[in-house]
PDB file of N, CA and C in Angstrom:
ATOM      1  N   MET A   1       1.623   2.568 -21.313  1.00  0.00           N
ATOM      2  CA  MET A   1       1.590   2.844 -19.947  1.00  0.00           C
ATOM      3  C   MET A   1       0.047   1.712 -19.816  1.00  0.00           C
ATOM      4  N   LYS A   2       0.717   1.116 -18.684  1.00  0.00           N
ATOM      5  CA  LYS A   2      -0.534  -0.093 -18.189  1.00  0.00           C
ATOM      6  C   LYS A   2      -1.413   0.672 -16.854  1.00  0.00           C
ATOM      7  N   ILE A   3      -2.305   0.919 -16.771  1.00  0.00           N
ATOM      8  CA  ILE A   3      -3.119   1.896 -15.277  1.00  0.00           C
ATOM      9  C   ILE A   3      -4.119   0.454 -14.873  1.00  0.00           C
ATOM     10  N   SER A   4      -3.980   0.715 -13.766  1.00  0.00           N
ATOM     11  CA  SER A   4      -4.819  -0.559 -13.185  1.00  0.00           C
ATOM     12  C   SER A   4      -5.486   0.607 -11.620  1.00  0.00           C
ATOM     13  N   MET A   5      -6.958  -0.373 -11.790  1.00  0.00           N
ATOM     14  CA  MET A   5      -7.765   0.361 -11.230  1.00  0.00           C
ATOM     15  C   MET A   5      -9.254  -0.507 -10.388  1.00  0.00           C
ATOM     16  N   PRO A   6      -9.410  -0.545  -9.229  1.00  0.00           N
ATOM     17  CA  PRO A   6     -10.295  -1.593  -8.721  1.00  0.00           C
ATOM     18  C   PRO A   6     -11.610  -1.251  -9.203  1.00  0.00           C
ATOM     19  N   VAL A   7     -12.199  -2.161  -9.594  1.00  0.00           N
ATOM     20  CA  VAL A   7     -13.733  -1.821  -9.795  1.00  0.00           C
ATOM     21  C   VAL A   7     -14.990  -2.641  -9.495  1.00  0.00           C
ATOM     22  N   ASP A   8     -16.099  -2.352  -9.713  1.00  0.00           N
ATOM     23  CA  ASP A   8     -17.341  -3.421  -9.069  1.00  0.00           C
ATOM     24  C   ASP A   8     -17.711  -4.113 -10.084  1.00  0.00           C
ATOM     25  N   LEU A   9     -18.019  -3.551 -11.652  1.00  0.00           N
ATOM     26  CA  LEU A   9     -18.195  -4.359 -12.732  1.00  0.00           C
ATOM     27  C   LEU A   9     -17.052  -4.363 -13.666  1.00  0.00           C
ATOM     28  N   LYS A  10     -17.273  -5.303 -14.495  1.00  0.00           N
ATOM     29  CA  LYS A  10     -16.581  -5.434 -15.763  1.00  0.00           C
ATOM     30  C   LYS A  10     -17.249  -4.159 -16.890  1.00  0.00           C
ATOM     31  N   SER A  11     -16.841  -2.987 -16.514  1.00  0.00           N
ATOM     32  CA  SER A  11     -17.015  -2.001 -17.609  1.00  0.00           C
ATOM     33  C   SER A  11     -16.666  -1.161 -17.575  1.00  0.00           C
ATOM     34  N   MET A  12     -16.529   0.011 -18.676  1.00  0.00           N
ATOM     35  CA  MET A  12     -15.729   1.295 -18.443  1.00  0.00           C
ATOM     36  C   MET A  12     -16.835   2.544 -17.772  1.00  0.00           C
ATOM     37  N   ASP A  13     -18.183   2.044 -17.638  1.00  0.00           N
ATOM     38  CA  ASP A  13     -19.167   3.067 -17.076  1.00  0.00           C
ATOM     39  C   ASP A  13     -18.663   2.676 -15.630  1.00  0.00           C
ATOM     40  N   THR A  14     -17.954   1.548 -14.983  1.00  0.00           N
ATOM     41  CA  THR A  14     -18.294   1.634 -13.657  1.00  0.00           C
ATOM     42  C   THR A  14     -17.497   2.374 -12.482  1.00  0.00           C
ATOM     43  N   ASN A  15     -17.867   2.800 -11.534  1.00  0.00           N
ATOM     44  CA  ASN A  15     -17.491   3.448 -10.864  1.00  0.00           C
ATOM     45  C   ASN A  15     -16.069   2.635 -10.302  1.00  0.00           C
ATOM     46  N   LEU A  16     -15.376   3.196  -9.537  1.00  0.00           N
ATOM     47  CA  LEU A  16     -14.203   2.468  -8.931  1.00  0.00           C
ATOM     48  C   LEU A  16     -14.516   1.745  -7.730  1.00  0.00           C
ATOM     49  N   CYS A  17     -14.159   0.707  -7.183  1.00  0.00           N
ATOM     50  CA  CYS A  17     -14.656   0.682  -5.947  1.00  0.00           C
ATOM     51  C   CYS A  17     -13.906   0.797  -4.816  1.00  0.00           C
ATOM     52  N   ARG A  18     -14.451   1.064  -3.855  1.00  0.00           N
ATOM     53  CA  ARG A  18     -13.880   1.691  -2.758  1.00  0.00           C
ATOM     54  C   ARG A  18     -12.781   1.229  -1.680  1.00  0.00           C
ATOM     55  N   SER A  19     -12.866  -0.055  -2.061  1.00  0.00           N
ATOM     56  CA  SER A  19     -11.897  -1.071  -1.392  1.00  0.00           C
ATOM     57  C   SER A  19     -10.980  -1.837  -2.106  1.00  0.00           C
ATOM     58  N   PHE A  20     -10.059  -1.320  -2.067  1.00  0.00           N
ATOM     59  CA  PHE A  20      -8.794  -1.830  -3.168  1.00  0.00           C
ATOM     60  C   PHE A  20      -8.435  -3.387  -3.388  1.00  0.00           C
ATOM     61  N   GLY A  21      -8.492  -3.665  -1.614  1.00  0.00           N
ATOM     62  CA  GLY A  21      -8.097  -4.958  -1.606  1.00  0.00           C
ATOM     63  C   GLY A  21      -9.309  -5.838  -1.478  1.00  0.00           C
ATOM     64  N   ARG A  22     -10.468  -5.571  -1.615  1.00  0.00           N
ATOM     65  CA  ARG A  22     -11.734  -6.410  -1.697  1.00  0.00           C
ATOM     66  C   ARG A  22     -12.722  -6.173  -3.183  1.00  0.00           C
ATOM     67  N   ALA A  23     -12.038  -5.415  -4.070  1.00  0.00           N
ATOM     68  CA  ALA A  23     -12.677  -5.179  -5.239  1.00  0.00           C
ATOM     69  C   ALA A  23     -13.062  -6.216  -6.022  1.00  0.00           C
ATOM     70  N   PRO A  24     -13.807  -6.214  -6.483  1.00  0.00           N
ATOM     71  CA  PRO A  24     -14.703  -7.638  -7.602  1.00  0.00           C
ATOM     72  C   PRO A  24     -13.636  -7.694  -8.569  1.00  0.00           C
ATOM     73  N   TYR A  25     -12.974  -6.740  -9.198  1.00  0.00           N
ATOM     74  CA  TYR A  25     -12.595  -6.927 -10.283  1.00  0.00           C
ATOM     75  C   TYR A  25     -11.512  -5.688 -10.467  1.00  0.00           C
ATOM     76  N   PHE A  26     -10.317  -5.916 -11.086  1.00  0.00           N
ATOM     77  CA  PHE A  26      -9.553  -4.907 -11.707  1.00  0.00           C
ATOM     78  C   PHE A  26      -9.301  -4.648 -12.645  1.00  0.00           C
ATOM     79  N   LEU A  27      -9.375  -3.701 -13.180  1.00  0.00           N
ATOM     80  CA  LEU A  27      -9.600  -2.869 -14.944  1.00  0.00           C
ATOM     81  C   LEU A  27      -8.234  -2.740 -14.768  1.00  0.00           C
ATOM     82  N   ILE A  28      -7.152  -3.277 -16.149  1.00  0.00           N
ATOM     83  CA  ILE A  28      -5.683  -3.006 -16.496  1.00  0.00           C
ATOM     84  C   ILE A  28      -6.525  -2.451 -18.148  1.00  0.00           C
ATOM     85  N   TYR A  29      -5.709  -1.210 -17.962  1.00  0.00           N
ATOM     86  CA  TYR A  29      -6.532  -0.730 -19.307  1.00  0.00           C
ATOM     87  C   TYR A  29      -4.612   0.145 -20.072  1.00  0.00           C
ATOM     88  N   ASP A  30      -4.676  -0.286 -21.007  1.00  0.00           N
ATOM     89  CA  ASP A  30      -3.102  -0.217 -21.833  1.00  0.00           C
ATOM     90  C   ASP A  30      -3.305   1.413 -22.544  1.00  0.00           C
ATOM     91  N   THR A  31      -2.662   2.406 -22.387  1.00  0.00           N
ATOM     92  CA  THR A  31      -2.803   3.854 -22.800  1.00  0.00           C
ATOM     93  C   THR A  31      -2.259   3.442 -24.098  1.00  0.00           C
ATOM     94  N   GLU A  32      -1.497   2.939 -24.681  1.00  0.00           N
ATOM     95  CA  GLU A  32      -0.867   2.634 -26.034  1.00  0.00           C
ATOM     96  C   GLU A  32      -1.768   1.713 -26.754  1.00  0.00           C
ATOM     97  N   SER A  33      -2.534   0.798 -26.631  1.00  0.00           N
ATOM     98  CA  SER A  33      -3.079   0.198 -27.438  1.00  0.00           C
ATOM     99  C   SER A  33      -5.046   0.437 -27.398  1.00  0.00           C
ATOM    100  N   ASN A  34      -5.133   1.049 -26.043  1.00  0.00           N
ATOM    101  CA  ASN A  34      -6.587   1.383 -25.594  1.00  0.00           C
ATOM    102  C   ASN A  34      -6.855   0.008 -25.723  1.00  0.00           C
ATOM    103  N   GLU A  35      -6.657  -0.875 -25.221  1.00  0.00           N
ATOM    104  CA  GLU A  35      -6.935  -2.472 -24.649  1.00  0.00           C
ATOM    105  C   GLU A  35      -7.575  -2.196 -23.248  1.00  0.00           C
ATOM    106  N   SER A  36      -8.466  -3.329 -22.844  1.00  0.00           N
ATOM    107  CA  SER A  36      -8.792  -2.985 -21.248  1.00  0.00           C
ATOM    108  C   SER A  36      -9.139  -4.792 -21.312  1.00  0.00           C
ATOM    109  N   VAL A  37      -8.729  -5.148 -19.869  1.00  0.00           N
ATOM    110  CA  VAL A  37      -8.691  -6.641 -19.468  1.00  0.00           C
ATOM    111  C   VAL A  37      -9.174  -6.380 -17.945  1.00  0.00           C
ATOM    112  N   TYR A  38     -10.249  -7.390 -17.768  1.00  0.00           N
ATOM    113  CA  TYR A  38     -10.496  -7.548 -15.999  1.00  0.00           C
ATOM    114  C   TYR A  38     -10.087  -8.822 -15.461  1.00  0.00           C
ATOM    115  N   LEU A  39      -9.734  -8.365 -14.438  1.00  0.00           N
ATOM    116  CA  LEU A  39      -9.256  -9.638 -13.780  1.00  0.00           C
ATOM    117  C   LEU A  39      -9.672  -9.913 -12.573  1.00  0.00           C
ATOM    118  N   ASP A  40     -10.277 -10.810 -12.288  1.00  0.00           N
ATOM    119  CA  ASP A  40     -11.276 -11.116 -10.954  1.00  0.00           C
ATOM    120  C   ASP A  40     -10.116 -11.147 -10.130  1.00  0.00           C
ATOM    121  N   ASN A  41     -10.284 -10.365  -9.162  1.00  0.00           N
ATOM    122  CA  ASN A  41      -9.756 -10.588  -8.022  1.00  0.00           C
ATOM    123  C   ASN A  41     -10.015 -11.707  -6.647  1.00  0.00           C
ATOM    124  N   SER A  42      -8.733 -12.974  -6.733  1.00  0.00           N
ATOM    125  CA  SER A  42      -8.869 -13.129  -5.901  1.00  0.00           C
ATOM    126  C   SER A  42      -9.019 -13.498  -4.405  1.00  0.00           C
ATOM    127  N   ALA A  43      -8.789 -12.310  -4.160  1.00  0.00           N
ATOM    128  CA  ALA A  43      -8.564 -11.543  -2.625  1.00  0.00           C
ATOM    129  C   ALA A  43      -9.766 -11.336  -1.670  1.00  0.00           C
ATOM    130  N   VAL A  44     -10.480 -11.582  -2.807  1.00  0.00           N
ATOM    131  CA  VAL A  44     -11.785 -10.509  -2.426  1.00  0.00           C
ATOM    132  C   VAL A  44     -12.267 -11.352  -1.282  1.00  0.00           C
ATOM    133  N   ALA A  45     -12.026 -12.460  -1.289  1.00  0.00           N
ATOM    134  CA  ALA A  45     -12.961 -13.585  -0.540  1.00  0.00           C
ATOM    135  C   ALA A  45     -11.594 -13.998   1.039  1.00  0.00           C
ATOM    136  N   SER A  46     -10.912 -13.485   0.887  1.00  0.00           N
ATOM    137  CA  SER A  46      -9.640 -13.806   1.805  1.00  0.00           C
ATOM    138  C   SER A  46      -9.925 -13.686   3.161  1.00  0.00           C
ATOM    139  N   GLN A  47      -9.675 -14.399   4.255  1.00  0.00           N
ATOM    140  CA  GLN A  47     -10.102 -13.949   5.582  1.00  0.00           C
ATOM    141  C   GLN A  47      -8.894 -12.671   6.167  1.00  0.00           C
ATOM    142  N   GLY A  48      -7.836 -12.489   5.649  1.00  0.00           N
ATOM    143  CA  GLY A  48      -6.833 -11.333   5.579  1.00  0.00           C
ATOM    144  C   GLY A  48      -6.147 -11.611   4.528  1.00  0.00           C
ATOM    145  N   GLY A  49      -5.425 -10.153   4.901  1.00  0.00           N
ATOM    146  CA  GLY A  49      -4.248  -9.917   3.868  1.00  0.00           C
ATOM    147  C   GLY A  49      -5.015  -9.831   2.327  1.00  0.00           C
ATOM    148  N   ALA A  50      -5.791  -9.162   2.061  1.00  0.00           N
ATOM    149  CA  ALA A  50      -6.844  -9.011   0.885  1.00  0.00           C
ATOM    150  C   ALA A  50      -6.124  -8.167   0.412  1.00  0.00           C
ATOM    151  N   GLY A  51      -5.646  -6.775   0.918  1.00  0.00           N
ATOM    152  CA  GLY A  51      -4.631  -5.535   0.253  1.00  0.00           C
ATOM    153  C   GLY A  51      -3.357  -6.059  -0.226  1.00  0.00           C
ATOM    154  N   ILE A  52      -2.591  -7.368   0.536  1.00  0.00           N
ATOM    155  CA  ILE A  52      -1.441  -7.816  -0.133  1.00  0.00           C
ATOM    156  C   ILE A  52      -1.288  -8.388  -1.136  1.00  0.00           C
ATOM    157  N   LYS A  53      -2.573  -9.527  -0.994  1.00  0.00           N
ATOM    158  CA  LYS A  53      -2.843 -10.466  -2.507  1.00  0.00           C
ATOM    159  C   LYS A  53      -3.203  -9.718  -3.219  1.00  0.00           C
ATOM    160  N   ALA A  54      -4.066  -8.649  -2.852  1.00  0.00           N
ATOM    161  CA  ALA A  54      -4.708  -7.631  -4.341  1.00  0.00           C
ATOM    162  C   ALA A  54      -3.460  -6.808  -4.954  1.00  0.00           C
ATOM    163  N   ALA A  55      -2.524  -6.170  -4.159  1.00  0.00           N
ATOM    164  CA  ALA A  55      -1.330  -5.681  -4.555  1.00  0.00           C
ATOM    165  C   ALA A  55      -0.456  -6.695  -5.386  1.00  0.00           C
ATOM    166  N   GLN A  56      -0.133  -7.858  -5.059  1.00  0.00           N
ATOM    167  CA  GLN A  56       0.388  -8.620  -5.626  1.00  0.00           C
ATOM    168  C   GLN A  56      -0.080  -8.947  -7.261  1.00  0.00           C
ATOM    169  N   THR A  57      -1.472  -9.008  -6.999  1.00  0.00           N
ATOM    170  CA  THR A  57      -2.106  -9.520  -8.214  1.00  0.00           C
ATOM    171  C   THR A  57      -1.764  -8.427  -9.564  1.00  0.00           C
ATOM    172  N   ILE A  58      -1.712  -6.595  -9.218  1.00  0.00           N
ATOM    173  CA  ILE A  58      -1.353  -5.806  -9.626  1.00  0.00           C
ATOM    174  C   ILE A  58       0.089  -6.140 -10.222  1.00  0.00           C
ATOM    175  N   VAL A  59       0.953  -5.895  -9.291  1.00  0.00           N
ATOM    176  CA  VAL A  59       2.730  -6.155  -9.764  1.00  0.00           C
ATOM    177  C   VAL A  59       2.722  -7.390 -10.934  1.00  0.00           C
ATOM    178  N   ASP A  60       2.013  -8.310 -10.428  1.00  0.00           N
ATOM    179  CA  ASP A  60       2.331  -9.697 -11.237  1.00  0.00           C
ATOM    180  C   ASP A  60       0.959  -9.224 -12.859  1.00  0.00           C
ATOM    181  N   SER A  61       0.555  -8.217 -12.408  1.00  0.00           N
ATOM    182  CA  SER A  61      -0.331  -7.870 -14.248  1.00  0.00           C
ATOM    183  C   SER A  61       0.761  -6.661 -14.887  1.00  0.00           C
ATOM    184  N   ASP A  62       2.105  -6.302 -14.250  1.00  0.00           N
ATOM    185  CA  ASP A  62       2.943  -5.903 -15.229  1.00  0.00           C
ATOM    186  C   ASP A  62       2.317  -4.077 -15.015  1.00  0.00           C
ATOM    187  N   VAL A  63       1.668  -3.760 -14.521  1.00  0.00           N
ATOM    188  CA  VAL A  63       0.896  -2.200 -14.705  1.00  0.00           C
ATOM    189  C   VAL A  63       2.253  -1.239 -13.889  1.00  0.00           C
ATOM    190  N   ASN A  64       2.208  -0.181 -14.649  1.00  0.00           N
ATOM    191  CA  ASN A  64       2.996   1.047 -14.056  1.00  0.00           C
ATOM    192  C   ASN A  64       2.520   1.893 -13.233  1.00  0.00           C
ATOM    193  N   VAL A  65       0.822   2.230 -12.986  1.00  0.00           N
ATOM    194  CA  VAL A  65      -0.049   3.068 -12.247  1.00  0.00           C
ATOM    195  C   VAL A  65      -1.529   2.402 -11.601  1.00  0.00           C
ATOM    196  N   LEU A  66      -1.478   2.942 -10.438  1.00  0.00           N
ATOM    197  CA  LEU A  66      -2.733   2.484  -9.728  1.00  0.00           C
ATOM    198  C   LEU A  66      -3.672   3.518  -9.649  1.00  0.00           C
ATOM    199  N   LEU A  67      -5.148   3.524  -9.767  1.00  0.00           N
ATOM    200  CA  LEU A  67      -5.648   4.515  -9.352  1.00  0.00           C
ATOM    201  C   LEU A  67      -6.904   4.042  -8.656  1.00  0.00           C
ATOM    202  N   THR A  68      -6.925   4.717  -7.201  1.00  0.00           N
ATOM    203  CA  THR A  68      -7.821   3.981  -6.203  1.00  0.00           C
ATOM    204  C   THR A  68      -8.103   5.225  -5.539  1.00  0.00           C
ATOM    205  N   PRO A  69      -9.396   4.854  -4.998  1.00  0.00           N
ATOM    206  CA  PRO A  69     -10.066   5.807  -3.976  1.00  0.00           C
ATOM    207  C   PRO A  69      -9.169   5.771  -2.421  1.00  0.00           C
ATOM    208  N   ARG A  70      -8.714   4.819  -2.379  1.00  0.00           N
ATOM    209  CA  ARG A  70      -7.792   4.541  -1.033  1.00  0.00           C
ATOM    210  C   ARG A  70      -6.942   3.502  -1.434  1.00  0.00           C
ATOM    211  N   CYS A  71      -5.955   3.500  -0.278  1.00  0.00           N
ATOM    212  CA  CYS A  71      -4.597   2.052  -0.260  1.00  0.00           C
ATOM    213  C   CYS A  71      -4.573   1.934   1.468  1.00  0.00           C
ATOM    214  N   GLY A  72      -4.387   0.555   1.576  1.00  0.00           N
ATOM    215  CA  GLY A  72      -4.082   0.091   2.995  1.00  0.00           C
ATOM    216  C   GLY A  72      -2.148   0.375   2.835  1.00  0.00           C
ATOM    217  N   GLU A  73      -1.456   0.452   3.957  1.00  0.00           N
ATOM    218  CA  GLU A  73      -0.303   0.780   3.870  1.00  0.00           C
ATOM    219  C   GLU A  73       0.650  -0.782   3.202  1.00  0.00           C
ATOM    220  N   ASN A  74      -0.133  -1.665   4.041  1.00  0.00           N
ATOM    221  CA  ASN A  74       0.638  -2.605   3.618  1.00  0.00           C
ATOM    222  C   ASN A  74       0.416  -3.166   1.958  1.00  0.00           C
ATOM    223  N   ALA A  75      -0.517  -2.682   1.307  1.00  0.00           N
ATOM    224  CA  ALA A  75      -0.672  -2.992   0.111  1.00  0.00           C
ATOM    225  C   ALA A  75       0.130  -1.709  -0.705  1.00  0.00           C
ATOM    226  N   ALA A  76      -0.001  -0.501  -0.252  1.00  0.00           N
ATOM    227  CA  ALA A  76       0.875   0.281  -0.898  1.00  0.00           C
ATOM    228  C   ALA A  76       2.434   0.173  -1.127  1.00  0.00           C
ATOM    229  N   ARG A  77       3.251  -0.703   0.668  1.00  0.00           N
ATOM    230  CA  ARG A  77       4.415  -1.224   0.440  1.00  0.00           C
ATOM    231  C   ARG A  77       4.715  -2.098  -0.684  1.00  0.00           C
ATOM    232  N   VAL A  78       3.913  -3.026  -1.042  1.00  0.00           N
ATOM    233  CA  VAL A  78       4.212  -3.932  -1.995  1.00  0.00           C
ATOM    234  C   VAL A  78       3.956  -3.072  -3.428  1.00  0.00           C
ATOM    235  N   LEU A  79       3.066  -2.460  -3.696  1.00  0.00           N
ATOM    236  CA  LEU A  79       3.087  -1.511  -5.350  1.00  0.00           C
ATOM    237  C   LEU A  79       4.511  -0.522  -5.143  1.00  0.00           C
ATOM    238  N   GLN A  80       4.696   0.055  -3.930  1.00  0.00           N
ATOM    239  CA  GLN A  80       5.632   1.296  -3.931  1.00  0.00           C
ATOM    240  C   GLN A  80       7.121   0.008  -4.385  1.00  0.00           C
ATOM    241  N   ALA A  81       7.206  -0.938  -3.639  1.00  0.00           N
ATOM    242  CA  ALA A  81       8.159  -1.746  -4.293  1.00  0.00           C
ATOM    243  C   ALA A  81       8.816  -1.853  -5.419  1.00  0.00           C
ATOM    244  N   ALA A  82       7.696  -2.339  -5.963  1.00  0.00           N
ATOM    245  CA  ALA A  82       7.500  -2.555  -7.098  1.00  0.00           C
ATOM    246  C   ALA A  82       7.726  -1.270  -8.545  1.00  0.00           C
ATOM    247  N   ASP A  83       7.680  -0.105  -8.191  1.00  0.00           N
ATOM    248  CA  ASP A  83       7.741   1.155  -8.635  1.00  0.00           C
ATOM    249  C   ASP A  83       6.498   1.281  -9.360  1.00  0.00           C
ATOM    250  N   ILE A  84       5.243   0.869  -8.270  1.00  0.00           N
ATOM    251  CA  ILE A  84       3.987   1.485  -8.988  1.00  0.00           C
ATOM    252  C   ILE A  84       3.633   2.580  -8.595  1.00  0.00           C
ATOM    253  N   LYS A  85       3.037   3.671  -9.638  1.00  0.00           N
ATOM    254  CA  LYS A  85       3.019   4.587  -8.890  1.00  0.00           C
ATOM    255  C   LYS A  85       1.340   4.946  -8.086  1.00  0.00           C
ATOM    256  N   ILE A  86       0.531   5.616  -6.982  1.00  0.00           N
ATOM    257  CA  ILE A  86      -0.498   5.421  -6.717  1.00  0.00           C
ATOM    258  C   ILE A  86      -1.157   6.559  -6.488  1.00  0.00           C
ATOM    259  N   TYR A  87      -2.340   7.008  -7.624  1.00  0.00           N
ATOM    260  CA  TYR A  87      -2.811   8.122  -7.538  1.00  0.00           C
ATOM    261  C   TYR A  87      -4.332   8.028  -7.444  1.00  0.00           C
ATOM    262  N   LYS A  88      -4.453   8.999  -6.496  1.00  0.00           N
ATOM    263  CA  LYS A  88      -6.102   9.473  -6.037  1.00  0.00           C
ATOM    264  C   LYS A  88      -6.899   9.716  -6.941  1.00  0.00           C
ATOM    265  N   SER A  89      -8.172   8.515  -6.802  1.00  0.00           N
ATOM    266  CA  SER A  89      -8.882   8.760  -8.230  1.00  0.00           C
ATOM    267  C   SER A  89     -10.101   9.793  -7.692  1.00  0.00           C
ATOM    268  N   LEU A  90     -10.801   9.334  -8.999  1.00  0.00           N
ATOM    269  CA  LEU A  90     -12.019  10.847  -8.750  1.00  0.00           C
ATOM    270  C   LEU A  90     -13.266   9.906  -7.909  1.00  0.00           C
ATOM    271  N   ASN A  91     -14.264  10.473  -7.432  1.00  0.00           N
ATOM    272  CA  ASN A  91     -15.314   9.474  -7.410  1.00  0.00           C
ATOM    273  C   ASN A  91     -16.211   9.750  -9.012  1.00  0.00           C
ATOM    274  N   SER A  92     -15.849   8.522  -9.655  1.00  0.00           N
ATOM    275  CA  SER A  92     -16.567   8.728 -11.116  1.00  0.00           C
ATOM    276  C   SER A  92     -15.983   7.380 -11.870  1.00  0.00           C
ATOM    277  N   SER A  93     -16.577   7.277 -13.246  1.00  0.00           N
ATOM    278  CA  SER A  93     -16.501   6.130 -13.555  1.00  0.00           C
ATOM    279  C   SER A  93     -14.769   6.006 -13.933  1.00  0.00           C
ATOM    280  N   ALA A  94     -14.781   4.603 -14.317  1.00  0.00           N
ATOM    281  CA  ALA A  94     -13.437   3.847 -15.002  1.00  0.00           C
ATOM    282  C   ALA A  94     -12.930   5.248 -15.953  1.00  0.00           C
ATOM    283  N   LYS A  95     -13.676   5.006 -16.927  1.00  0.00           N
ATOM    284  CA  LYS A  95     -13.271   5.781 -18.089  1.00  0.00           C
ATOM    285  C   LYS A  95     -13.164   7.336 -17.384  1.00  0.00           C
ATOM    286  N   ASP A  96     -13.583   8.007 -16.894  1.00  0.00           N
ATOM    287  CA  ASP A  96     -13.614   9.429 -16.392  1.00  0.00           C
ATOM    288  C   ASP A  96     -12.313   9.324 -15.428  1.00  0.00           C
ATOM    289  N   ASN A  97     -11.802   8.138 -14.961  1.00  0.00           N
ATOM    290  CA  ASN A  97     -10.297   8.268 -14.342  1.00  0.00           C
ATOM    291  C   ASN A  97      -9.450   8.435 -15.413  1.00  0.00           C
ATOM    292  N   ILE A  98      -9.577   7.528 -16.120  1.00  0.00           N
ATOM    293  CA  ILE A  98      -8.250   7.285 -17.390  1.00  0.00           C
ATOM    294  C   ILE A  98      -8.142   8.091 -17.827  1.00  0.00           C
ATOM    295  N   ASP A  99      -9.222   9.346 -18.469  1.00  0.00           N
ATOM    296  CA  ASP A  99      -9.187  10.395 -18.865  1.00  0.00           C
ATOM    297  C   ASP A  99      -8.322  11.527 -18.307  1.00  0.00           C
ATOM    298  N   ALA A 100      -8.782  11.197 -16.988  1.00  0.00           N
ATOM    299  CA  ALA A 100      -8.165  12.656 -16.044  1.00  0.00           C
ATOM    300  C   ALA A 100      -7.098  12.399 -15.733  1.00  0.00           C
ATOM    301  N   PHE A 101      -6.232  10.781 -15.704  1.00  0.00           N
ATOM    302  CA  PHE A 101      -4.881  10.374 -15.659  1.00  0.00           C
ATOM    303  C   PHE A 101      -4.205  11.223 -16.966  1.00  0.00           C
ATOM    304  N   VAL A 102      -5.107  10.419 -17.769  1.00  0.00           N
ATOM    305  CA  VAL A 102      -4.051  10.687 -19.513  1.00  0.00           C
ATOM    306  C   VAL A 102      -4.273  12.357 -19.509  1.00  0.00           C
ATOM    307  N   ASP A 103      -4.515  13.413 -19.000  1.00  0.00           N
ATOM    308  CA  ASP A 103      -5.008  15.124 -18.878  1.00  0.00           C
ATOM    309  C   ASP A 103      -4.451  15.072 -17.700  1.00  0.00           C
ATOM    310  N   ASN A 104      -3.342  14.336 -16.975  1.00  0.00           N
ATOM    311  CA  ASN A 104      -2.480  15.062 -15.983  1.00  0.00           C
ATOM    312  C   ASN A 104      -3.267  15.647 -14.644  1.00  0.00           C
ATOM    313  N   LYS A 105      -4.465  15.197 -14.379  1.00  0.00           N
ATOM    314  CA  LYS A 105      -5.598  16.299 -13.277  1.00  0.00           C
ATOM    315  C   LYS A 105      -5.685  15.269 -12.295  1.00  0.00           C
ATOM    316  N   LEU A 106      -5.078  14.052 -11.481  1.00  0.00           N
ATOM    317  CA  LEU A 106      -4.773  13.596 -10.661  1.00  0.00           C
ATOM    318  C   LEU A 106      -3.773  13.578 -10.001  1.00  0.00           C
ATOM    319  N   SER A 107      -3.858  13.281  -8.765  1.00  0.00           N
ATOM    320  CA  SER A 107      -2.768  13.774  -7.704  1.00  0.00           C
ATOM    321  C   SER A 107      -2.056  12.321  -7.148  1.00  0.00           C
ATOM    322  N   LEU A 108      -0.724  12.070  -6.745  1.00  0.00           N
ATOM    323  CA  LEU A 108      -0.709  10.866  -6.186  1.00  0.00           C
ATOM    324  C   LEU A 108      -1.270  10.537  -5.108  1.00  0.00           C
ATOM    325  N   LEU A 109      -1.466   9.875  -4.740  1.00  0.00           N
ATOM    326  CA  LEU A 109      -2.406   9.436  -3.360  1.00  0.00           C
ATOM    327  C   LEU A 109      -1.695   9.364  -2.177  1.00  0.00           C
ATOM    328  N   ASP A 110      -1.830  10.645  -1.311  1.00  0.00           N
ATOM    329  CA  ASP A 110      -0.486  11.226  -0.091  1.00  0.00           C
ATOM    330  C   ASP A 110      -0.665  10.565   1.065  1.00  0.00           C
ATOM    331  N   GLU A 111      -2.606  10.157   1.708  1.00  0.00           N
ATOM    332  CA  GLU A 111      -3.079   9.618   2.638  1.00  0.00           C
ATOM    333  C   GLU A 111      -3.135   8.028   2.307  1.00  0.00           C
ATOM    334  N   ILE A 112      -2.123   7.105   2.828  1.00  0.00           N
ATOM    335  CA  ILE A 112      -2.290   6.042   2.835  1.00  0.00           C
ATOM    336  C   ILE A 112      -3.153   5.439   4.408  1.00  0.00           C
ATOM    337  N   HIS A 113      -3.684   4.866   4.293  1.00  0.00           N
ATOM    338  CA  HIS A 113      -4.407   4.519   5.439  1.00  0.00           C
ATOM    339  C   HIS A 113      -3.544   2.882   6.583  1.00  0.00           C
ATOM    340  N   ALA A 114      -4.165   2.617   7.344  1.00  0.00           N
ATOM    341  CA  ALA A 114      -3.055   1.954   8.556  1.00  0.00           C
ATOM    342  C   ALA A 114      -3.902   0.564   7.645  1.00  0.00           C
ATOM    343  N   GLY A 115      -5.017   0.638   6.959  1.00  0.00           N
ATOM    344  CA  GLY A 115      -5.472  -0.766   6.682  1.00  0.00           C
ATOM    345  C   GLY A 115      -6.827  -1.326   7.570  1.00  0.00           C
ATOM    346  N   PHE A 116      -7.212  -2.243   7.324  1.00  0.00           N
ATOM    347  CA  PHE A 116      -8.591  -2.733   7.908  1.00  0.00           C
ATOM    348  C   PHE A 116      -8.020  -4.149   8.341  1.00  0.00           C
ATOM    349  N   HIS A 117      -7.081  -4.257   9.161  1.00  0.00           N
ATOM    350  CA  HIS A 117      -6.605  -5.315   9.633  1.00  0.00           C
ATOM    351  C   HIS A 117      -7.519  -6.105  10.415  1.00  0.00           C
ATOM    352  N   HIS A 118      -7.956  -6.974  10.611  1.00  0.00           N
ATOM    353  CA  HIS A 118      -9.016  -8.279  11.597  1.00  0.00           C
ATOM    354  C   HIS A 118     -10.238  -7.654  11.150  1.00  0.00           C
ATOM    355  N   HIS A 119     -10.845  -6.907  10.876  1.00  0.00           N
ATOM    356  CA  HIS A 119     -12.279  -6.032  10.876  1.00  0.00           C
ATOM    357  C   HIS A 119     -13.007  -7.052   9.443  1.00  0.00           C
ATOM    358  N   GLY A 120     -12.488  -7.971   8.912  1.00  0.00           N
ATOM    359  CA  GLY A 120     -13.192  -8.880   7.780  1.00  0.00           C
ATOM    360  C   GLY A 120     -14.397  -8.213   7.274  1.00  0.00           C
ATOM    361  N   GLY A 121     -13.423  -6.780   6.478  1.00  0.00           N
ATOM    362  CA  GLY A 121     -14.671  -6.189   5.583  1.00  0.00           C
ATOM    363  C   GLY A 121     -14.140  -4.884   5.093  1.00  0.00           C
ATOM    364  N   LYS A 122     -15.338  -4.529   4.428  1.00  0.00           N
ATOM    365  CA  LYS A 122     -14.668  -2.615   3.580  1.00  0.00           C
ATOM    366  C   LYS A 122     -14.703  -1.765   4.785  1.00  0.00           C
TER     367      LYS A 122
END
């Protein structure tokens, strides 16, 4: 299974980024091979639609699960259409979130916000 997370740094010790669409990087972690890959988020500098573009990056990476503190409705629609489950992350490191997910300690993200349309930031 492939797990994705928005992260601030290319490190398993970094905390998850609070903004999914504007995260500098996405960590893709494969639970079967224990391999990590960091993707640059090309949507970070977008004038608008960052969440949708970021979600498409996740979809294109063939992941099964997204761990994130929050997610906007447009991004959530893209992810849900690709059958990617969205889980509420812990306020902790990427590694701690992976461990919590594997141990079945995270719940599905049930608060999808309206997004930050036309606000140009986090």
